[in-house]
N, C-alpha and C. Protein backbone atom coordinates (compact mmCIF):
# COMPACT_ATOMS: atom_id res chain seq x y z
N MET A 1 -16.12 -4.21 -2.63
CA MET A 1 -15.54 -3.64 -1.41
C MET A 1 -16.38 -3.96 -0.72
N ALA A 2 -15.90 -4.87 0.92
CA ALA A 2 -16.25 -5.50 1.50
C ALA A 2 -15.89 -3.86 2.98
N ASN A 3 -17.34 -3.43 4.01
CA ASN A 3 -16.41 -2.45 4.87
C ASN A 3 -16.14 -3.65 6.17
N LEU A 4 -15.14 -4.05 6.41
CA LEU A 4 -13.89 -4.82 7.23
C LEU A 4 -14.84 -4.27 8.48
N ALA A 5 -15.38 -2.92 9.14
CA ALA A 5 -15.54 -2.54 9.98
C ALA A 5 -16.96 -3.27 9.97
N ASP A 6 -17.89 -3.50 9.68
CA ASP A 6 -19.01 -4.37 9.63
C ASP A 6 -19.19 -5.20 9.25
N GLU A 7 -18.40 -5.95 8.52
CA GLU A 7 -17.46 -7.56 8.24
C GLU A 7 -17.28 -8.38 9.62
N TYR A 8 -16.36 -7.73 9.86
CA TYR A 8 -15.81 -7.64 11.72
C TYR A 8 -16.74 -7.57 12.93
N GLY A 9 -16.92 -7.05 13.04
CA GLY A 9 -17.79 -6.04 14.21
C GLY A 9 -17.12 -5.42 15.05
N THR A 10 -16.18 -4.66 14.33
CA THR A 10 -15.24 -3.86 15.47
C THR A 10 -16.12 -2.50 14.88
N ASP A 11 -15.13 -1.69 16.19
CA ASP A 11 -15.48 0.05 15.84
C ASP A 11 -14.20 0.31 14.32
N VAL A 12 -13.41 0.48 14.63
CA VAL A 12 -12.36 0.92 13.06
C VAL A 12 -11.63 -0.01 12.57
N GLU A 13 -11.03 -0.97 11.59
CA GLU A 13 -10.66 -1.70 10.82
C GLU A 13 -9.27 -0.97 10.31
N ILE A 14 -8.04 -1.05 10.88
CA ILE A 14 -7.38 -0.04 9.88
C ILE A 14 -6.31 -0.93 9.25
N TYR A 15 -6.23 -0.79 8.41
CA TYR A 15 -5.02 -1.14 7.33
C TYR A 15 -4.57 -0.54 5.75
N ILE A 16 -3.46 -1.47 5.44
CA ILE A 16 -2.77 -0.81 4.32
C ILE A 16 -2.80 -1.86 3.27
N LYS A 17 -3.67 -0.97 2.12
CA LYS A 17 -3.97 -1.79 1.11
C LYS A 17 -2.16 -2.17 0.23
N ALA A 18 -2.47 -3.43 0.06
CA ALA A 18 -0.92 -4.06 -0.87
C ALA A 18 -1.55 -2.75 -2.24
N LEU A 19 0.18 -3.37 -2.45
CA LEU A 19 0.67 -2.40 -3.15
C LEU A 19 0.22 -0.51 -2.99
N THR A 20 0.27 -0.36 -2.10
CA THR A 20 -0.07 1.69 -2.48
C THR A 20 0.79 1.68 -0.61
N THR A 21 0.48 3.11 -0.32
CA THR A 21 1.05 3.26 0.95
C THR A 21 0.43 4.09 2.12
N THR A 22 -1.55 4.15 1.44
CA THR A 22 -2.44 4.52 1.61
C THR A 22 -2.90 4.02 2.88
N ILE A 23 -2.84 4.67 4.08
CA ILE A 23 -3.48 4.26 5.76
C ILE A 23 -4.90 3.64 5.12
N HIS A 24 -5.75 2.65 5.06
CA HIS A 24 -7.29 2.90 4.83
C HIS A 24 -7.77 2.10 6.87
N ALA A 25 -8.99 3.17 7.34
CA ALA A 25 -9.78 2.74 8.09
C ALA A 25 -10.89 2.39 8.05
N ASP A 26 -11.86 1.28 7.77
CA ASP A 26 -13.04 1.47 8.17
C ASP A 26 -14.02 1.57 9.29
N THR A 27 -14.55 2.47 9.07
CA THR A 27 -15.86 1.78 10.55
C THR A 27 -16.87 1.79 9.69
N PRO A 28 -17.67 1.21 11.04
CA PRO A 28 -18.94 0.73 9.89
C PRO A 28 -20.13 1.20 10.21
N THR A 29 -20.85 1.18 9.52
CA THR A 29 -22.40 1.52 8.85
C THR A 29 -22.86 2.35 9.65
N GLY A 30 -23.04 3.74 9.72
CA GLY A 30 -23.94 4.73 11.26
C GLY A 30 -22.95 4.69 12.41
N ALA A 31 -21.29 4.76 11.56
CA ALA A 31 -21.02 5.28 13.54
C ALA A 31 -20.53 6.28 13.90
N PRO A 32 -20.53 7.09 15.09
CA PRO A 32 -21.10 7.88 15.42
C PRO A 32 -19.53 9.03 15.11
N ALA A 33 -20.60 10.17 14.79
CA ALA A 33 -19.55 11.30 14.67
C ALA A 33 -17.65 11.59 15.53
N GLN A 34 -17.87 11.27 16.53
CA GLN A 34 -16.99 11.26 17.27
C GLN A 34 -15.86 10.02 16.92
N LEU A 35 -16.17 8.97 16.27
CA LEU A 35 -15.24 8.12 15.85
C LEU A 35 -14.92 8.98 14.67
N HIS A 36 -15.57 9.65 13.46
CA HIS A 36 -15.04 10.23 12.54
C HIS A 36 -13.71 11.39 13.14
N ASP A 37 -14.87 12.44 13.86
CA ASP A 37 -14.00 13.21 14.55
C ASP A 37 -12.31 12.58 15.12
N LEU A 38 -12.36 11.84 16.10
CA LEU A 38 -11.20 11.09 15.94
C LEU A 38 -10.33 10.94 15.47
N LEU A 39 -10.79 10.64 15.04
CA LEU A 39 -9.65 9.69 13.23
C LEU A 39 -9.49 10.72 12.28
N GLU A 40 -10.14 11.99 12.02
CA GLU A 40 -9.35 13.17 11.70
C GLU A 40 -8.24 14.01 12.55
N GLN A 41 -8.32 13.81 13.87
CA GLN A 41 -7.69 14.51 14.93
C GLN A 41 -6.35 13.93 14.98
N LEU A 42 -6.73 12.26 14.25
CA LEU A 42 -4.98 11.54 14.20
C LEU A 42 -4.50 11.91 12.98
N GLY A 43 -5.20 12.87 12.48
CA GLY A 43 -4.86 12.81 11.02
C GLY A 43 -5.74 12.41 9.52
N LEU A 44 -6.90 11.54 10.12
CA LEU A 44 -7.07 10.75 8.56
C LEU A 44 -7.59 12.04 8.08
N GLU A 45 -7.26 11.32 6.07
CA GLU A 45 -8.56 11.80 5.53
C GLU A 45 -10.24 11.17 5.71
N ARG A 46 -11.32 12.29 5.31
CA ARG A 46 -12.30 11.45 5.20
C ARG A 46 -12.94 11.10 3.81
N HIS A 47 -13.45 9.99 3.05
CA HIS A 47 -13.83 9.63 2.08
C HIS A 47 -14.63 8.67 2.55
N GLU A 48 -16.01 9.44 1.66
CA GLU A 48 -17.01 8.02 1.78
C GLU A 48 -17.44 7.44 0.56
N TYR A 49 -17.97 6.21 0.82
CA TYR A 49 -18.10 5.18 -1.00
C TYR A 49 -19.44 5.09 -0.89
N PRO A 50 -20.04 5.88 -1.02
CA PRO A 50 -21.41 5.42 -1.15
C PRO A 50 -22.14 3.95 -1.58
N THR A 51 -21.44 3.00 -1.90
CA THR A 51 -21.52 1.41 -2.52
C THR A 51 -21.30 1.12 -1.08
N GLY A 52 -22.20 0.24 -0.52
CA GLY A 52 -22.40 -0.57 0.83
C GLY A 52 -22.21 -0.04 1.82
N GLY A 53 -22.12 1.28 1.86
CA GLY A 53 -22.48 2.25 3.19
C GLY A 53 -21.30 2.36 4.21
N ARG A 54 -19.92 2.03 2.84
CA ARG A 54 -18.81 2.35 3.70
C ARG A 54 -18.46 3.22 3.57
N SER A 55 -18.42 3.51 5.03
CA SER A 55 -17.19 4.98 4.96
C SER A 55 -15.83 4.24 6.24
N THR A 56 -14.64 4.83 5.30
CA THR A 56 -13.44 4.39 5.41
C THR A 56 -12.69 6.19 5.22
N SER A 57 -11.40 5.55 5.71
CA SER A 57 -10.39 6.37 6.13
C SER A 57 -9.04 6.45 5.71
N GLY A 58 -8.27 7.61 4.94
CA GLY A 58 -7.55 7.23 4.42
C GLY A 58 -5.99 8.60 4.35
N THR A 59 -5.11 7.62 5.13
CA THR A 59 -3.93 9.16 4.86
C THR A 59 -2.78 8.12 4.14
N PRO A 60 -1.98 8.19 3.23
CA PRO A 60 -0.45 7.60 3.35
C PRO A 60 0.04 7.13 4.72
N CYS A 61 0.93 6.49 3.90
CA CYS A 61 1.75 6.34 5.34
C CYS A 61 3.23 6.69 5.27
N PRO A 62 3.55 6.83 6.63
CA PRO A 62 4.90 8.53 6.64
C PRO A 62 5.75 7.59 6.25
N ASN A 63 6.59 8.65 6.20
CA ASN A 63 7.82 8.75 5.32
C ASN A 63 8.14 8.35 3.97
N THR A 64 6.94 8.30 2.81
CA THR A 64 6.71 7.31 1.96
C THR A 64 7.03 8.95 0.79
N SER A 65 7.77 9.12 -0.45
CA SER A 65 7.22 9.15 -1.20
C SER A 65 6.57 8.78 -2.65
N MET A 66 5.96 7.68 -1.98
CA MET A 66 4.90 7.57 -3.84
C MET A 66 4.06 8.14 -3.27
N PRO A 67 3.15 9.21 -4.75
CA PRO A 67 2.16 9.13 -4.67
C PRO A 67 1.33 8.25 -4.28
N THR A 68 0.19 8.39 -3.83
CA THR A 68 -0.65 6.95 -4.04
C THR A 68 -2.18 7.72 -5.55
N SER A 69 -2.88 6.96 -5.36
CA SER A 69 -3.84 7.25 -6.37
C SER A 69 -5.42 6.88 -5.89
N ARG A 70 -5.03 6.51 -4.65
CA ARG A 70 -6.55 6.55 -4.04
C ARG A 70 -6.53 5.98 -2.63
N SER A 71 -7.34 7.51 -2.48
CA SER A 71 -6.64 7.85 -0.92
C SER A 71 -8.55 7.07 0.18
N ALA A 72 -8.85 7.19 0.61
CA ALA A 72 -10.12 6.24 1.66
C ALA A 72 -10.78 7.00 2.28
N TRP A 73 -10.99 6.66 3.74
CA TRP A 73 -11.65 6.95 4.90
C TRP A 73 -13.46 7.63 4.90
């Protein structure tokens, strides 16, 4: 899976994966700690995927009761 922030050259790419209720936030490879701290302050939980250097954030969308099987960030 590609890192969208690296792909588009942005500070962060926030999206909802199809058929899930999880918000994902891709940060660029080598993103500063301040960016990760900000995403944590916004309530996102950090999870790193070592393949391709991907660093993403994810949190279930508000007002949903469906459990998610894959959190990201």
